[in-house]
Protein backbone atom coordinates (compact mmCIF):
# COMPACT_ATOMS: atom_id res chain seq x y z
CA MET A 1 0.03 -0.19 0.27
CA SER A 2 1.82 2.85 -1.25
CA ASP A 3 -0.69 5.78 -1.42
CA ASP A 4 0.27 8.92 0.83
CA ARG A 5 -3.04 10.48 1.34
CA SER A 6 -1.66 13.10 2.93
CA HIS A 7 0.59 14.17 -0.07
CA ASN A 8 -1.43 13.00 -2.78
CA LEU A 9 -4.49 15.21 -1.89
CA PRO A 10 -4.80 18.69 -1.70
CA VAL A 11 -5.32 20.29 1.62
CA SER A 12 -8.54 21.85 0.99
CA GLY A 13 -9.85 18.44 -0.07
CA LEU A 14 -8.19 16.45 3.13
CA GLY A 15 -10.61 17.34 5.52
CA LYS A 16 -13.64 16.40 3.87
CA THR A 17 -12.09 13.04 3.13
CA LEU A 18 -11.26 12.51 6.52
CA GLU A 19 -14.20 14.23 8.15
CA GLY A 20 -16.26 11.70 10.51
CA LYS A 21 -16.27 9.57 13.90
CA TYR A 22 -13.21 9.05 15.72
CA LEU A 23 -12.38 7.18 19.05
CA THR A 24 -9.76 8.87 20.63
CA PHE A 25 -7.14 8.21 22.98
CA ALA A 26 -3.90 8.80 24.95
CA LEU A 27 -0.57 7.53 24.87
CA ALA A 28 2.41 9.66 26.54
CA ARG A 29 0.18 12.43 26.96
CA GLU A 30 -0.76 12.96 23.47
CA GLU A 31 -4.25 12.56 22.03
CA TYR A 32 -4.89 9.97 18.87
CA GLY A 33 -8.10 9.10 17.12
CA ILE A 34 -8.63 6.24 14.50
CA GLY A 35 -11.59 6.03 12.57
CA ILE A 36 -14.51 4.29 14.48
CA LEU A 37 -15.16 2.17 11.80
CA THR A 38 -12.17 0.51 12.44
CA VAL A 39 -13.26 -0.44 16.05
CA ARG A 40 -14.45 -3.52 17.00
CA GLU A 41 -14.51 -3.05 20.48
CA ILE A 42 -12.66 -1.79 23.72
CA ILE A 43 -11.79 -3.80 26.59
CA GLY A 44 -10.00 -3.57 29.81
CA LEU A 45 -6.51 -5.14 30.03
CA MET A 46 -6.63 -8.73 30.17
CA PRO A 47 -3.85 -11.12 30.58
CA ILE A 48 -1.60 -11.28 27.69
CA ARG A 49 0.45 -14.57 26.70
CA THR A 50 3.62 -14.00 25.15
CA VAL A 51 4.68 -15.46 21.90
CA PRO A 52 8.50 -15.98 21.07
CA GLN A 53 10.48 -14.80 18.43
CA THR A 54 7.77 -11.86 17.76
CA PRO A 55 8.85 -8.28 17.92
CA ALA A 56 9.24 -6.04 21.09
CA PHE A 57 6.09 -4.08 20.21
CA VAL A 58 4.00 -7.47 20.03
CA LYS A 59 3.03 -7.93 23.42
CA GLY A 60 1.33 -11.53 22.77
CA VAL A 61 -2.22 -12.90 22.25
CA ILE A 62 -5.34 -12.77 24.06
CA ASN A 63 -8.22 -15.25 24.12
CA LEU A 64 -10.95 -13.17 23.60
CA ARG A 65 -14.46 -15.24 23.88
CA GLY A 66 -12.52 -17.92 22.25
CA LYS A 67 -10.73 -15.93 19.30
CA VAL A 68 -7.16 -15.59 19.51
CA ILE A 69 -6.24 -12.01 18.75
CA PRO A 70 -2.53 -10.41 18.58
CA VAL A 71 -1.83 -7.55 20.86
CA VAL A 72 0.55 -4.56 19.85
CA ASP A 73 1.56 -2.08 22.29
CA LEU A 74 1.46 1.35 20.40
CA ARG A 75 3.84 2.84 22.52
CA LEU A 76 6.62 0.53 21.61
CA LYS A 77 5.34 0.31 18.30
CA PHE A 78 5.86 4.43 18.14
CA GLY A 79 9.28 3.75 20.01
CA MET A 80 7.90 5.37 23.24
CA GLU A 81 8.79 4.47 26.66
CA GLU A 82 6.99 1.42 27.83
CA ILE A 83 5.47 2.20 31.39
CA GLU A 84 3.45 0.35 34.02
CA HIS A 85 -0.12 -0.42 33.37
CA THR A 86 -2.88 1.11 35.30
CA GLU A 87 -6.67 0.38 35.56
CA ARG A 88 -7.24 2.91 32.39
CA THR A 89 -4.88 0.99 30.26
CA SER A 90 -7.33 -0.59 27.38
CA ILE A 91 -7.00 -2.73 24.40
CA ILE A 92 -8.91 -1.49 21.63
CA VAL A 93 -9.70 -4.39 19.37
CA VAL A 94 -9.63 -2.87 15.50
CA ASP A 95 -10.33 -4.43 12.34
CA VAL A 96 -7.36 -4.18 9.67
CA GLY A 97 -5.96 -5.38 6.46
CA GLY A 98 -6.17 -9.03 6.70
CA VAL A 99 -6.36 -11.33 3.71
CA SER A 100 -9.21 -9.50 1.85
CA ALA A 101 -11.70 -6.50 2.95
CA ASP A 102 -14.07 -9.57 3.63
CA HIS A 103 -11.98 -10.74 5.90
CA PRO A 104 -10.16 -8.25 8.13
CA MET A 105 -7.53 -9.18 10.79
CA HIS A 106 -8.63 -8.33 14.53
CA ILE A 107 -5.71 -6.83 16.52
CA GLY A 108 -5.99 -5.42 19.90
CA ILE A 109 -3.71 -2.39 20.43
CA VAL A 110 -2.63 -1.64 23.97
CA VAL A 111 -3.16 2.29 24.74
CA ASP A 112 -2.96 4.34 27.92
CA TYR A 113 -6.20 5.18 28.29
CA VAL A 114 -9.57 5.63 25.65
CA SER A 115 -10.77 9.07 25.76
CA GLU A 116 -13.92 9.43 23.81
CA VAL A 117 -15.78 9.12 20.55
CA ILE A 118 -15.84 12.74 18.47
CA ASN A 119 -17.12 13.79 15.36
CA ILE A 120 -14.49 15.72 13.43
CA LYS A 121 -15.71 18.25 10.45
CA ALA A 122 -13.94 18.60 7.60
CA ASP A 123 -12.85 22.47 8.80
CA GLU A 124 -11.15 21.02 12.09
CA ILE A 125 -8.81 18.66 9.90
CA GLU A 126 -5.11 19.90 8.55
CA ALA A 127 -2.53 17.86 6.66
CA PRO A 128 -0.14 16.68 8.89
CA PRO A 129 2.85 19.09 8.99
CA ALA A 130 6.26 18.48 7.51
CA PHE A 131 8.85 17.69 10.09
CA GLY A 132 11.75 16.56 7.65
CA ALA A 133 13.10 13.33 7.00
CA GLU A 134 13.95 12.93 10.83
CA LEU A 135 10.48 11.98 11.68
CA ASN A 136 8.30 9.37 10.06
CA THR A 137 4.63 10.73 9.51
CA GLU A 138 3.36 8.20 7.29
CA TYR A 139 1.25 6.91 9.90
CA ILE A 140 -0.72 10.33 10.24
CA LEU A 141 -3.55 11.07 8.38
CA GLY A 142 -4.02 14.39 9.58
CA MET A 143 -4.33 16.65 12.60
CA ALA A 144 -7.50 17.45 13.93
CA LYS A 145 -8.41 20.81 15.90
CA VAL A 146 -11.04 20.19 18.37
CA ASN A 147 -11.95 22.13 21.60
CA GLN A 148 -8.79 24.13 21.85
CA SER A 149 -6.56 20.65 21.59
CA VAL A 150 -4.90 19.06 18.91
CA LYS A 151 -5.83 15.16 18.03
CA ILE A 152 -3.56 13.33 15.73
CA LEU A 153 -5.73 11.35 13.26
CA LEU A 154 -3.92 7.97 12.88
CA ASP A 155 -3.86 5.27 9.69
CA ILE A 156 -4.21 2.20 11.77
CA ASN A 157 -3.70 -0.17 8.22
CA ARG A 158 -0.29 1.92 8.07
CA ILE A 159 0.23 1.68 11.43
CA LEU A 160 0.13 -2.45 11.33
CA GLY A 161 1.50 -2.66 7.64
CA ALA A 162 1.75 -5.56 5.78
CA GLU A 163 5.13 -6.55 7.07
CA ASP A 164 3.52 -6.50 10.57
CA LEU A 165 0.08 -8.37 9.47
CA SER A 166 1.95 -11.26 8.06
CA GLY A 167 3.97 -12.14 11.42
CA LEU A 168 1.09 -11.67 13.21
CA SER A 169 -1.84 -13.61 10.96
CA ALA A 170 0.12 -16.64 12.34
CA LEU A 171 -0.70 -15.84 16.10
CA GLY A 172 -4.55 -15.47 15.07
CA GLY A 173 -6.30 -12.24 14.55
CA VAL A 174 -8.71 -13.26 11.70
């Protein structure tokens, strides 16, 4: 998947394309949002069974009502410091890529806490800033200005790209 939405669309069309409902959550005092249509459910932290020879950001798998779901720690995926989990730590089960649009893969992502579902209007969304070659912004769809704060809108399919999914598919997740 090589389309780079933030660079191919004119800024004036970006907001309309990204307008909609987002689930917002926190990681390291920053607020992020993912499209609500990718969210399957939100659960509290539960025991995660580690799986040998997986990348550090893959925490393992959970058994969610008889389905084995791979779990990724977004802090580690983004190169952030790992912290102790709290009672607010949550797992967001999302649908990503998978083998086809009819069979998305279910993956749990660990976040510091879930905030709320918000409706973001087109005029509240801007293209991600250009940080130069130092910072990888390929996961960022846009920046939403909502209630005096900025939410970073993420593309969950890019975060958990094809190379990640090929390794996770063996763990379950479909």
